[in-house]
Amino acid sequence: MKALLPFIASAFVFATLPAVAKESAEVGKPAPEFTLPGADGKNHSPISENKGKIVVLEWTNPGCPFVQKFYSPKEMQKLQKEMKEKGVVWYRINSSAEGKEGYQTAEQAAKYDQAQGVEAKATLLDHDGKVGRLYGAKTTPHMYIIDTTGVLVYNGAIDDMATPRSGDIALAKNYVRQAVDELLAGKPVSQSTTKPYGCSVKYK
């Protein structure tokens, strides 16, 4: 029996390890495709629908002070519009589960987008959190950039001022703008990963 104990222990540890995802988002590799319903009533597949274009994914939660930092003074909307004018396609993704902070139905999200003047192509609803976990989204906001070849080239914070104060936006280095401008200039992204900050994603 003693001889079997190490084997039993190792088998138990192996059995309780979490399953490894077949596919996950990793900088420098093709971004995993996904399809989510939008607040506009349509299903969206951001990567396959936008081949040859730069795509920005923004994880969001309207109840989070760090998100409000950017939306209340319309700074996030300005950045979304700026990116759109440069040919970049921007999607907002809400992974808040029902009953958790930031959860929105499609109707609620559509009303919010209209009231806030959101300039993103669509707000996508990830209520079960599958896409958020696939991409490893940890905070709101948490930003990802996919280049014209479908490769994930940025994962991290929106800027380098990890505070909830809107007044700090003007003082910050915006990592998203920097990365997009580098891509448009034919250069590699100089900072491909940074530490995201904000509220934790309110997963199911």
N, C-alpha and C. Protein backbone atom coordinates (compact mmCIF):
# COMPACT_ATOMS: atom_id res chain seq x y z
N MET A 1 0.83 -1.20 0.00
CA MET A 1 0.00 0.00 0.00
C MET A 1 0.87 1.26 0.00
N LYS A 2 1.96 1.23 0.80
CA LYS A 2 2.86 2.38 0.87
C LYS A 2 3.45 2.68 -0.49
N ALA A 3 3.74 1.61 -1.24
CA ALA A 3 4.34 1.80 -2.55
C ALA A 3 3.37 2.48 -3.52
N LEU A 4 2.09 2.33 -3.26
CA LEU A 4 1.08 2.91 -4.14
C LEU A 4 0.78 4.37 -3.84
N LEU A 5 1.14 4.82 -2.61
CA LEU A 5 0.77 6.17 -2.20
C LEU A 5 1.31 7.26 -3.12
N PRO A 6 2.58 7.23 -3.52
CA PRO A 6 3.09 8.27 -4.43
C PRO A 6 2.31 8.31 -5.74
N PHE A 7 2.00 7.09 -6.24
CA PHE A 7 1.25 7.02 -7.50
C PHE A 7 -0.14 7.61 -7.35
N ILE A 8 -0.81 7.28 -6.23
CA ILE A 8 -2.16 7.80 -5.99
C ILE A 8 -2.13 9.31 -5.85
N ALA A 9 -1.13 9.82 -5.11
CA ALA A 9 -1.01 11.27 -4.90
C ALA A 9 -0.79 12.00 -6.22
N SER A 10 0.13 11.44 -7.03
CA SER A 10 0.42 12.09 -8.30
C SER A 10 -0.80 12.03 -9.23
N ALA A 11 -1.53 10.94 -9.18
CA ALA A 11 -2.73 10.81 -10.00
C ALA A 11 -3.78 11.82 -9.59
N PHE A 12 -3.88 12.07 -8.27
CA PHE A 12 -4.86 13.03 -7.77
C PHE A 12 -4.52 14.44 -8.23
N VAL A 13 -3.22 14.79 -8.14
CA VAL A 13 -2.79 16.12 -8.56
C VAL A 13 -3.06 16.30 -10.04
N PHE A 14 -2.75 15.25 -10.83
CA PHE A 14 -2.97 15.34 -12.27
C PHE A 14 -4.46 15.51 -12.58
N ALA A 15 -5.30 14.79 -11.83
CA ALA A 15 -6.74 14.82 -12.09
C ALA A 15 -7.36 16.16 -11.74
N THR A 16 -6.74 16.89 -10.81
CA THR A 16 -7.35 18.14 -10.37
C THR A 16 -6.77 19.36 -11.07
N LEU A 17 -5.78 19.17 -11.95
CA LEU A 17 -5.25 20.30 -12.69
C LEU A 17 -6.30 20.80 -13.67
N PRO A 18 -6.41 22.12 -13.86
CA PRO A 18 -7.39 22.65 -14.80
C PRO A 18 -7.05 22.24 -16.22
N ALA A 19 -8.07 22.04 -17.01
CA ALA A 19 -7.86 21.65 -18.40
C ALA A 19 -7.21 22.80 -19.15
N VAL A 20 -6.27 22.49 -20.01
CA VAL A 20 -5.60 23.51 -20.81
C VAL A 20 -6.45 23.81 -22.02
N ALA A 21 -6.68 25.08 -22.27
CA ALA A 21 -7.50 25.46 -23.41
C ALA A 21 -6.82 25.02 -24.70
N LYS A 22 -7.63 24.54 -25.65
CA LYS A 22 -7.09 24.11 -26.92
C LYS A 22 -6.49 25.30 -27.67
N GLU A 23 -7.06 26.46 -27.44
CA GLU A 23 -6.61 27.66 -28.12
C GLU A 23 -6.70 28.83 -27.15
N SER A 24 -5.71 29.65 -27.15
CA SER A 24 -5.74 30.82 -26.28
C SER A 24 -4.97 31.95 -26.94
N ALA A 25 -5.25 33.15 -26.48
CA ALA A 25 -4.61 34.32 -27.10
C ALA A 25 -3.19 34.48 -26.59
N GLU A 26 -2.27 34.67 -27.50
CA GLU A 26 -0.87 34.85 -27.14
C GLU A 26 -0.23 35.84 -28.11
N VAL A 27 0.42 36.85 -27.56
CA VAL A 27 1.07 37.86 -28.40
C VAL A 27 2.08 37.19 -29.32
N GLY A 28 2.04 37.57 -30.58
CA GLY A 28 2.95 37.01 -31.56
C GLY A 28 2.37 35.83 -32.33
N LYS A 29 1.16 35.41 -31.94
CA LYS A 29 0.49 34.29 -32.61
C LYS A 29 -0.87 34.75 -33.13
N PRO A 30 -1.45 33.98 -34.08
CA PRO A 30 -2.76 34.36 -34.60
C PRO A 30 -3.79 34.49 -33.47
N ALA A 31 -4.55 35.56 -33.49
CA ALA A 31 -5.57 35.78 -32.48
C ALA A 31 -6.71 34.78 -32.67
N PRO A 32 -7.16 34.15 -31.60
CA PRO A 32 -8.26 33.18 -31.73
C PRO A 32 -9.53 33.85 -32.22
N GLU A 33 -10.17 33.23 -33.19
CA GLU A 33 -11.42 33.76 -33.71
C GLU A 33 -12.55 33.49 -32.73
N PHE A 34 -13.56 34.31 -32.76
CA PHE A 34 -14.74 34.11 -31.93
C PHE A 34 -15.90 34.86 -32.55
N THR A 35 -17.08 34.49 -32.15
CA THR A 35 -18.30 35.17 -32.59
C THR A 35 -19.14 35.49 -31.38
N LEU A 36 -19.60 36.74 -31.28
CA LEU A 36 -20.42 37.16 -30.15
C LEU A 36 -21.59 38.01 -30.65
N PRO A 37 -22.70 37.98 -29.91
CA PRO A 37 -23.82 38.85 -30.26
C PRO A 37 -23.50 40.29 -29.87
N GLY A 38 -23.96 41.23 -30.68
CA GLY A 38 -23.73 42.63 -30.40
C GLY A 38 -24.97 43.32 -29.89
N ALA A 39 -24.76 44.48 -29.31
CA ALA A 39 -25.90 45.29 -28.83
C ALA A 39 -26.76 45.74 -30.00
N ASP A 40 -26.23 45.64 -31.22
CA ASP A 40 -26.97 46.03 -32.41
C ASP A 40 -27.86 44.92 -32.95
N GLY A 41 -27.88 43.78 -32.24
CA GLY A 41 -28.73 42.66 -32.66
C GLY A 41 -28.08 41.75 -33.68
N LYS A 42 -26.84 42.01 -34.05
CA LYS A 42 -26.14 41.19 -35.03
C LYS A 42 -25.04 40.38 -34.36
N ASN A 43 -24.66 39.27 -34.97
CA ASN A 43 -23.51 38.50 -34.51
C ASN A 43 -22.27 39.04 -35.21
N HIS A 44 -21.17 39.13 -34.45
CA HIS A 44 -19.93 39.67 -35.00
C HIS A 44 -18.78 38.69 -34.80
N SER A 45 -17.97 38.55 -35.84
CA SER A 45 -16.74 37.75 -35.79
C SER A 45 -15.60 38.71 -36.14
N PRO A 46 -15.07 39.42 -35.15
CA PRO A 46 -14.14 40.52 -35.39
C PRO A 46 -12.93 40.22 -36.27
N ILE A 47 -12.39 39.02 -36.16
CA ILE A 47 -11.16 38.74 -36.90
C ILE A 47 -11.45 38.40 -38.36
N SER A 48 -12.33 37.43 -38.59
CA SER A 48 -12.61 37.02 -39.97
C SER A 48 -13.33 38.10 -40.76
N GLU A 49 -14.10 38.96 -40.08
CA GLU A 49 -14.83 40.02 -40.77
C GLU A 49 -13.94 41.20 -41.16
N ASN A 50 -12.75 41.25 -40.60
CA ASN A 50 -11.90 42.43 -40.79
C ASN A 50 -10.49 42.07 -41.25
N LYS A 51 -10.40 41.08 -42.13
CA LYS A 51 -9.10 40.69 -42.66
C LYS A 51 -8.45 41.86 -43.38
N GLY A 52 -7.18 42.07 -43.10
CA GLY A 52 -6.46 43.17 -43.72
C GLY A 52 -6.59 44.47 -42.97
N LYS A 53 -7.29 44.45 -41.82
CA LYS A 53 -7.44 45.66 -41.02
C LYS A 53 -6.90 45.44 -39.60
N ILE A 54 -6.52 46.53 -38.97
CA ILE A 54 -6.12 46.47 -37.56
C ILE A 54 -7.41 46.45 -36.72
N VAL A 55 -7.43 45.57 -35.73
CA VAL A 55 -8.60 45.43 -34.86
C VAL A 55 -8.21 45.69 -33.42
N VAL A 56 -8.98 46.50 -32.73
CA VAL A 56 -8.78 46.75 -31.30
C VAL A 56 -9.94 46.13 -30.53
N LEU A 57 -9.60 45.40 -29.47
CA LEU A 57 -10.61 44.84 -28.56
C LEU A 57 -10.46 45.53 -27.21
N GLU A 58 -11.56 46.05 -26.72
CA GLU A 58 -11.57 46.75 -25.43
C GLU A 58 -12.54 46.05 -24.48
N TRP A 59 -12.02 45.49 -23.40
CA TRP A 59 -12.92 44.91 -22.39
C TRP A 59 -13.46 46.04 -21.53
N THR A 60 -14.77 46.02 -21.30
CA THR A 60 -15.40 47.16 -20.64
C THR A 60 -16.43 46.73 -19.61
N ASN A 61 -16.76 47.65 -18.72
CA ASN A 61 -17.76 47.45 -17.66
C ASN A 61 -18.23 48.86 -17.27
N PRO A 62 -19.46 49.25 -17.63
CA PRO A 62 -19.91 50.61 -17.39
C PRO A 62 -19.96 51.02 -15.92
N GLY A 63 -19.94 50.03 -15.01
CA GLY A 63 -19.99 50.34 -13.59
C GLY A 63 -18.63 50.53 -12.96
N CYS A 64 -17.57 50.31 -13.73
CA CYS A 64 -16.21 50.37 -13.19
C CYS A 64 -15.66 51.80 -13.22
N PRO A 65 -15.14 52.31 -12.10
CA PRO A 65 -14.59 53.67 -12.06
C PRO A 65 -13.45 53.89 -13.05
N PHE A 66 -12.69 52.84 -13.34
CA PHE A 66 -11.57 52.97 -14.28
C PHE A 66 -12.08 53.09 -15.72
N VAL A 67 -13.24 52.52 -15.99
CA VAL A 67 -13.87 52.69 -17.29
C VAL A 67 -14.49 54.08 -17.37
N GLN A 68 -15.17 54.48 -16.29
CA GLN A 68 -15.79 55.80 -16.23
C GLN A 68 -14.75 56.91 -16.37
N LYS A 69 -13.53 56.64 -15.92
CA LYS A 69 -12.42 57.60 -16.05
C LYS A 69 -12.29 58.05 -17.50
N PHE A 70 -12.48 57.12 -18.43
CA PHE A 70 -12.31 57.43 -19.85
C PHE A 70 -13.61 57.82 -20.55
N TYR A 71 -14.73 57.26 -20.09
CA TYR A 71 -16.00 57.54 -20.79
C TYR A 71 -16.68 58.82 -20.33
N SER A 72 -16.57 59.15 -19.05
CA SER A 72 -17.25 60.36 -18.56
C SER A 72 -16.77 61.62 -19.27
N PRO A 73 -15.45 61.79 -19.46
CA PRO A 73 -14.98 62.99 -20.19
C PRO A 73 -14.91 62.78 -21.70
N LYS A 74 -15.45 61.63 -22.17
CA LYS A 74 -15.50 61.30 -23.61
C LYS A 74 -14.12 61.03 -24.22
N GLU A 75 -13.15 60.72 -23.39
CA GLU A 75 -11.80 60.46 -23.92
C GLU A 75 -11.72 59.14 -24.68
N MET A 76 -12.41 58.10 -24.19
CA MET A 76 -12.40 56.82 -24.89
C MET A 76 -13.11 56.95 -26.23
N GLN A 77 -14.20 57.70 -26.25
CA GLN A 77 -14.94 57.90 -27.49
C GLN A 77 -14.08 58.65 -28.51
N LYS A 78 -13.31 59.63 -28.04
CA LYS A 78 -12.41 60.38 -28.93
C LYS A 78 -11.36 59.45 -29.54
N LEU A 79 -10.83 58.55 -28.70
CA LEU A 79 -9.82 57.62 -29.19
C LEU A 79 -10.43 56.64 -30.19
N GLN A 80 -11.64 56.17 -29.90
CA GLN A 80 -12.33 55.27 -30.82
C GLN A 80 -12.54 55.95 -32.18
N LYS A 81 -12.97 57.21 -32.16
CA LYS A 81 -13.19 57.95 -33.39
C LYS A 81 -11.88 58.17 -34.15
N GLU A 82 -10.83 58.50 -33.40
CA GLU A 82 -9.51 58.68 -34.01
C GLU A 82 -9.05 57.41 -34.71
N MET A 83 -9.24 56.28 -34.06
CA MET A 83 -8.84 55.01 -34.64
C MET A 83 -9.67 54.68 -35.87
N LYS A 84 -10.97 54.96 -35.79
CA LYS A 84 -11.86 54.70 -36.94
C LYS A 84 -11.42 55.51 -38.15
N GLU A 85 -11.02 56.76 -37.92
CA GLU A 85 -10.57 57.62 -39.01
C GLU A 85 -9.26 57.13 -39.62
N LYS A 86 -8.52 56.31 -38.86
CA LYS A 86 -7.27 55.72 -39.36
C LYS A 86 -7.50 54.35 -39.99
N GLY A 87 -8.77 53.93 -40.07
CA GLY A 87 -9.09 52.65 -40.69
C GLY A 87 -9.05 51.47 -39.73
N VAL A 88 -8.94 51.76 -38.44
CA VAL A 88 -8.89 50.71 -37.42
C VAL A 88 -10.32 50.35 -36.99
N VAL A 89 -10.57 49.06 -36.76
CA VAL A 89 -11.90 48.60 -36.34
C VAL A 89 -11.86 48.30 -34.85
N TRP A 90 -12.75 48.93 -34.10
CA TRP A 90 -12.73 48.85 -32.63
C TRP A 90 -14.00 48.16 -32.13
N TYR A 91 -13.82 47.18 -31.25
CA TYR A 91 -14.94 46.49 -30.61
C TYR A 91 -14.83 46.60 -29.10
N ARG A 92 -15.95 46.84 -28.45
CA ARG A 92 -16.03 46.79 -27.00
C ARG A 92 -16.60 45.43 -26.62
N ILE A 93 -16.07 44.81 -25.57
CA ILE A 93 -16.56 43.51 -25.13
C ILE A 93 -16.91 43.58 -23.64
N ASN A 94 -18.14 43.20 -23.31
CA ASN A 94 -18.61 43.19 -21.93
C ASN A 94 -18.76 41.74 -21.48
N SER A 95 -17.90 41.31 -20.56
CA SER A 95 -17.93 39.93 -20.05
C SER A 95 -18.57 39.82 -18.67
N SER A 96 -19.23 40.89 -18.23
CA SER A 96 -19.90 40.83 -16.92
C SER A 96 -21.07 39.85 -16.98
N ALA A 97 -21.11 38.93 -16.03
CA ALA A 97 -22.18 37.93 -15.99
C ALA A 97 -23.46 38.53 -15.41
N GLU A 98 -24.57 37.90 -15.70
CA GLU A 98 -25.85 38.36 -15.18
C GLU A 98 -25.80 38.39 -13.65
N GLY A 99 -26.24 39.49 -13.07
CA GLY A 99 -26.21 39.66 -11.62
C GLY A 99 -24.93 40.28 -11.11
N LYS A 100 -23.96 40.47 -11.99
CA LYS A 100 -22.69 41.07 -11.59
C LYS A 100 -22.61 42.52 -12.08
N GLU A 101 -21.70 43.29 -11.47
CA GLU A 101 -21.52 44.69 -11.85
C GLU A 101 -21.22 44.81 -13.35
N GLY A 102 -21.92 45.73 -13.99
CA GLY A 102 -21.65 46.00 -15.39
C GLY A 102 -22.44 45.17 -16.38
N TYR A 103 -23.20 44.20 -15.89
CA TYR A 103 -24.00 43.36 -16.81
C TYR A 103 -24.99 44.22 -17.57
N GLN A 104 -25.11 43.98 -18.86
CA GLN A 104 -26.07 44.69 -19.70
C GLN A 104 -26.74 43.73 -20.66
N THR A 105 -28.02 43.90 -20.85
CA THR A 105 -28.70 43.22 -21.93
C THR A 105 -28.33 43.95 -23.22
N ALA A 106 -28.69 43.38 -24.35
CA ALA A 106 -28.41 44.04 -25.62
C ALA A 106 -29.09 45.41 -25.67
N GLU A 107 -30.31 45.47 -25.18
CA GLU A 107 -31.05 46.73 -25.19
C GLU A 107 -30.39 47.76 -24.29
N GLN A 108 -29.96 47.34 -23.11
CA GLN A 108 -29.29 48.27 -22.19
C GLN A 108 -27.96 48.75 -22.76
N ALA A 109 -27.22 47.84 -23.38
CA ALA A 109 -25.94 48.22 -23.97
C ALA A 109 -26.13 49.19 -25.13
N ALA A 110 -27.17 48.98 -25.93
CA ALA A 110 -27.44 49.86 -27.06
C ALA A 110 -27.80 51.27 -26.57
N LYS A 111 -28.59 51.34 -25.52
CA LYS A 111 -28.97 52.64 -24.96
C LYS A 111 -27.76 53.35 -24.37
N TYR A 112 -26.91 52.57 -23.69
CA TYR A 112 -25.69 53.14 -23.12
C TYR A 112 -24.79 53.70 -24.22
N ASP A 113 -24.61 52.92 -25.27
CA ASP A 113 -23.74 53.34 -26.38
C ASP A 113 -24.24 54.64 -27.00
N GLN A 114 -25.54 54.73 -27.17
CA GLN A 114 -26.12 55.94 -27.76
C GLN A 114 -25.96 57.14 -26.83
N ALA A 115 -26.26 56.91 -25.55
CA ALA A 115 -26.17 58.01 -24.58
C ALA A 115 -24.74 58.51 -24.41
N GLN A 116 -23.78 57.59 -24.47
CA GLN A 116 -22.38 57.95 -24.27
C GLN A 116 -21.66 58.38 -25.54
N GLY A 117 -22.31 58.22 -26.67
CA GLY A 117 -21.66 58.59 -27.93
C GLY A 117 -20.51 57.66 -28.28
N VAL A 118 -20.68 56.37 -28.01
CA VAL A 118 -19.63 55.38 -28.29
C VAL A 118 -19.36 55.34 -29.79
N GLU A 119 -18.09 55.32 -30.16
CA GLU A 119 -17.68 55.34 -31.56
C GLU A 119 -17.15 53.99 -32.05
N ALA A 120 -17.23 52.97 -31.19
CA ALA A 120 -16.77 51.63 -31.59
C ALA A 120 -17.72 51.05 -32.63
N LYS A 121 -17.24 50.07 -33.40
CA LYS A 121 -18.10 49.44 -34.40
C LYS A 121 -19.26 48.72 -33.73
N ALA A 122 -18.98 48.06 -32.61
CA ALA A 122 -20.04 47.33 -31.90
C ALA A 122 -19.62 47.05 -30.47
N THR A 123 -20.63 46.90 -29.62
CA THR A 123 -20.41 46.41 -28.26
C THR A 123 -20.87 44.97 -28.24
N LEU A 124 -19.98 44.06 -27.88
CA LEU A 124 -20.26 42.64 -27.91
C LEU A 124 -20.52 42.12 -26.50
N LEU A 125 -21.45 41.17 -26.38
CA LEU A 125 -21.87 40.66 -25.08
C LEU A 125 -21.36 39.24 -24.87
N ASP A 126 -20.53 39.09 -23.87
CA ASP A 126 -19.85 37.82 -23.55
C ASP A 126 -20.30 37.37 -22.16
N HIS A 127 -21.59 37.18 -21.97
CA HIS A 127 -22.13 36.93 -20.64
C HIS A 127 -21.58 35.68 -19.96
N ASP A 128 -21.25 34.65 -20.75
CA ASP A 128 -20.71 33.44 -20.14
C ASP A 128 -19.20 33.52 -19.92
N GLY A 129 -18.59 34.58 -20.40
CA GLY A 129 -17.16 34.81 -20.16
C GLY A 129 -16.21 33.96 -20.97
N LYS A 130 -16.70 33.21 -21.93
CA LYS A 130 -15.82 32.31 -22.69
C LYS A 130 -14.76 33.07 -23.47
N VAL A 131 -15.16 34.15 -24.10
CA VAL A 131 -14.19 34.91 -24.91
C VAL A 131 -13.21 35.67 -24.01
N GLY A 132 -13.73 36.20 -22.92
CA GLY A 132 -12.85 36.89 -21.97
C GLY A 132 -11.77 35.96 -21.43
N ARG A 133 -12.17 34.76 -21.09
CA ARG A 133 -11.19 33.78 -20.58
C ARG A 133 -10.26 33.30 -21.68
N LEU A 134 -10.79 33.17 -22.90
CA LEU A 134 -9.97 32.77 -24.04
C LEU A 134 -8.83 33.76 -24.25
N TYR A 135 -9.14 35.04 -24.10
CA TYR A 135 -8.14 36.09 -24.29
C TYR A 135 -7.39 36.44 -23.01
N GLY A 136 -7.84 35.90 -21.88
CA GLY A 136 -7.17 36.18 -20.62
C GLY A 136 -7.43 37.58 -20.11
N ALA A 137 -8.60 38.13 -20.45
CA ALA A 137 -8.94 39.49 -20.00
C ALA A 137 -9.08 39.52 -18.48
N LYS A 138 -8.35 40.41 -17.84
CA LYS A 138 -8.31 40.47 -16.39
C LYS A 138 -9.00 41.70 -15.82
N THR A 139 -8.97 42.79 -16.55
CA THR A 139 -9.46 44.06 -15.99
C THR A 139 -10.35 44.80 -17.00
N THR A 140 -11.03 45.80 -16.48
CA THR A 140 -11.72 46.74 -17.37
C THR A 140 -11.19 48.13 -17.03
N PRO A 141 -10.58 48.79 -18.06
CA PRO A 141 -10.37 48.27 -19.41
C PRO A 141 -9.16 47.31 -19.49
N HIS A 142 -9.20 46.43 -20.49
CA HIS A 142 -8.06 45.59 -20.85
C HIS A 142 -8.06 45.60 -22.37
N MET A 143 -6.93 45.94 -22.97
CA MET A 143 -6.86 46.21 -24.40
C MET A 143 -6.04 45.17 -25.16
N TYR A 144 -6.51 44.86 -26.36
CA TYR A 144 -5.82 43.94 -27.25
C TYR A 144 -5.81 44.55 -28.65
N ILE A 145 -4.72 44.34 -29.38
CA ILE A 145 -4.63 44.83 -30.75
C ILE A 145 -4.21 43.67 -31.65
N ILE A 146 -4.92 43.53 -32.76
CA ILE A 146 -4.66 42.48 -33.74
C ILE A 146 -4.25 43.17 -35.04
N ASP A 147 -3.14 42.73 -35.62
CA ASP A 147 -2.64 43.42 -36.82
C ASP A 147 -3.36 42.96 -38.09
N THR A 148 -2.93 43.49 -39.22
CA THR A 148 -3.62 43.23 -40.49
C THR A 148 -3.51 41.78 -40.95
N THR A 149 -2.59 41.02 -40.36
CA THR A 149 -2.45 39.61 -40.72
C THR A 149 -3.17 38.69 -39.75
N GLY A 150 -3.86 39.28 -38.76
CA GLY A 150 -4.60 38.47 -37.80
C GLY A 150 -3.79 38.04 -36.59
N VAL A 151 -2.61 38.61 -36.43
CA VAL A 151 -1.74 38.26 -35.31
C VAL A 151 -1.98 39.22 -34.14
N LEU A 152 -2.04 38.66 -32.93
CA LEU A 152 -2.18 39.50 -31.74
C LEU A 152 -0.84 40.17 -31.46
N VAL A 153 -0.83 41.50 -31.46
CA VAL A 153 0.43 42.22 -31.30
C VAL A 153 0.50 43.07 -30.04
N TYR A 154 -0.63 43.20 -29.34
CA TYR A 154 -0.61 43.96 -28.08
C TYR A 154 -1.63 43.38 -27.11
N ASN A 155 -1.21 43.31 -25.83
CA ASN A 155 -2.07 42.83 -24.75
C ASN A 155 -1.68 43.62 -23.51
N GLY A 156 -2.63 44.43 -22.98
CA GLY A 156 -2.29 45.14 -21.76
C GLY A 156 -3.16 46.33 -21.44
N ALA A 157 -2.57 47.30 -20.78
CA ALA A 157 -3.27 48.49 -20.32
C ALA A 157 -3.51 49.47 -21.47
N ILE A 158 -4.45 50.37 -21.25
CA ILE A 158 -4.68 51.40 -22.25
C ILE A 158 -3.60 52.47 -22.18
N ASP A 159 -3.09 52.73 -20.97
CA ASP A 159 -2.03 53.73 -20.83
C ASP A 159 -1.19 53.42 -19.60
N ASP A 160 -0.25 54.32 -19.28
CA ASP A 160 0.68 54.06 -18.18
C ASP A 160 0.34 54.81 -16.89
N MET A 161 -0.91 55.26 -16.75
CA MET A 161 -1.34 55.95 -15.53
C MET A 161 -2.45 55.14 -14.88
N ALA A 162 -2.07 54.25 -13.98
CA ALA A 162 -3.02 53.31 -13.38
C ALA A 162 -3.82 53.94 -12.24
N THR A 163 -4.61 54.94 -12.59
CA THR A 163 -5.45 55.61 -11.61
C THR A 163 -6.86 55.74 -12.18
N PRO A 164 -7.86 56.02 -11.34
CA PRO A 164 -9.22 56.24 -11.83
C PRO A 164 -9.52 57.71 -12.10
N ARG A 165 -8.49 58.55 -12.13
CA ARG A 165 -8.69 59.99 -12.29
C ARG A 165 -8.60 60.41 -13.76
N SER A 166 -9.67 61.03 -14.23
CA SER A 166 -9.70 61.48 -15.62
C SER A 166 -8.62 62.51 -15.92
N GLY A 167 -8.25 63.29 -14.92
CA GLY A 167 -7.23 64.31 -15.11
C GLY A 167 -5.87 63.76 -15.47
N ASP A 168 -5.65 62.47 -15.22
CA ASP A 168 -4.35 61.86 -15.50
C ASP A 168 -4.22 61.43 -16.96
N ILE A 169 -5.32 61.42 -17.70
CA ILE A 169 -5.28 60.93 -19.08
C ILE A 169 -4.32 61.75 -19.94
N ALA A 170 -4.38 63.07 -19.77
CA ALA A 170 -3.53 63.95 -20.58
C ALA A 170 -2.05 63.79 -20.27
N LEU A 171 -1.74 63.26 -19.09
CA LEU A 171 -0.35 63.09 -18.68
C LEU A 171 0.22 61.72 -19.06
N ALA A 172 -0.66 60.84 -19.51
CA ALA A 172 -0.27 59.45 -19.73
C ALA A 172 0.25 59.17 -21.13
N LYS A 173 1.02 58.10 -21.25
CA LYS A 173 1.39 57.56 -22.55
C LYS A 173 0.31 56.54 -22.92
N ASN A 174 -0.36 56.76 -24.03
CA ASN A 174 -1.41 55.85 -24.46
C ASN A 174 -0.80 54.72 -25.28
N TYR A 175 -0.80 53.53 -24.70
CA TYR A 175 -0.18 52.38 -25.36
C TYR A 175 -0.91 51.97 -26.64
N VAL A 176 -2.22 52.13 -26.65
CA VAL A 176 -3.00 51.73 -27.82
C VAL A 176 -2.67 52.64 -29.00
N ARG A 177 -2.70 53.94 -28.78
CA ARG A 177 -2.36 54.87 -29.85
C ARG A 177 -0.92 54.63 -30.35
N GLN A 178 -0.01 54.41 -29.42
CA GLN A 178 1.39 54.18 -29.79
C GLN A 178 1.52 52.95 -30.67
N ALA A 179 0.87 51.85 -30.25
CA ALA A 179 0.98 50.60 -31.00
C ALA A 179 0.36 50.71 -32.39
N VAL A 180 -0.81 51.33 -32.47
CA VAL A 180 -1.48 51.48 -33.76
C VAL A 180 -0.65 52.35 -34.69
N ASP A 181 -0.12 53.45 -34.18
CA ASP A 181 0.69 54.33 -35.02
C ASP A 181 1.94 53.62 -35.53
N GLU A 182 2.52 52.78 -34.70
CA GLU A 182 3.70 52.01 -35.13
C GLU A 182 3.31 51.03 -36.24
N LEU A 183 2.18 50.36 -36.08
CA LEU A 183 1.73 49.42 -37.11
C LEU A 183 1.46 50.14 -38.42
N LEU A 184 0.80 51.28 -38.35
CA LEU A 184 0.49 52.04 -39.56
C LEU A 184 1.74 52.57 -40.25
N ALA A 185 2.80 52.74 -39.47
CA ALA A 185 4.07 53.20 -40.04
C ALA A 185 4.94 52.03 -40.52
N GLY A 186 4.41 50.83 -40.42
CA GLY A 186 5.15 49.65 -40.87
C GLY A 186 6.22 49.19 -39.90
N LYS A 187 6.09 49.62 -38.65
CA LYS A 187 7.06 49.25 -37.62
C LYS A 187 6.49 48.18 -36.69
N PRO A 188 7.35 47.41 -36.02
CA PRO A 188 6.86 46.47 -35.01
C PRO A 188 6.39 47.23 -33.77
N VAL A 189 5.49 46.64 -33.03
CA VAL A 189 5.01 47.26 -31.80
C VAL A 189 6.12 47.21 -30.76
N SER A 190 6.52 48.36 -30.26
CA SER A 190 7.66 48.43 -29.35
C SER A 190 7.35 47.92 -27.95
N GLN A 191 6.10 48.07 -27.51
CA GLN A 191 5.67 47.53 -26.22
C GLN A 191 4.47 46.64 -26.47
N SER A 192 4.73 45.36 -26.61
CA SER A 192 3.66 44.43 -27.00
C SER A 192 2.85 43.93 -25.81
N THR A 193 3.41 44.01 -24.62
CA THR A 193 2.67 43.61 -23.42
C THR A 193 2.94 44.62 -22.30
N THR A 194 1.88 44.97 -21.59
CA THR A 194 1.99 45.80 -20.40
C THR A 194 1.01 45.24 -19.37
N LYS A 195 1.12 45.68 -18.14
CA LYS A 195 0.24 45.19 -17.09
C LYS A 195 -1.08 45.95 -17.12
N PRO A 196 -2.20 45.25 -17.37
CA PRO A 196 -3.48 45.95 -17.39
C PRO A 196 -3.89 46.40 -15.99
N TYR A 197 -4.67 47.46 -15.93
CA TYR A 197 -5.17 47.93 -14.64
C TYR A 197 -6.65 48.26 -14.75
N GLY A 198 -7.32 48.28 -13.61
CA GLY A 198 -8.75 48.59 -13.58
C GLY A 198 -9.49 47.67 -12.65
N CYS A 199 -10.80 47.54 -12.85
CA CYS A 199 -11.61 46.62 -12.05
C CYS A 199 -11.44 45.21 -12.61
N SER A 200 -11.56 44.22 -11.76
CA SER A 200 -11.50 42.84 -12.25
C SER A 200 -12.72 42.56 -13.12
N VAL A 201 -12.55 41.74 -14.14
CA VAL A 201 -13.67 41.36 -15.00
C VAL A 201 -14.64 40.52 -14.18
N LYS A 202 -15.92 40.85 -14.23
CA LYS A 202 -16.92 40.20 -13.37
C LYS A 202 -17.48 38.95 -14.04
N TYR A 203 -16.63 37.93 -14.08
CA TYR A 203 -17.00 36.68 -14.73
C TYR A 203 -18.09 35.91 -13.97
N LYS A 204 -18.73 35.03 -14.71
CA LYS A 204 -19.75 34.15 -14.16
C LYS A 204 -19.14 33.21 -13.14
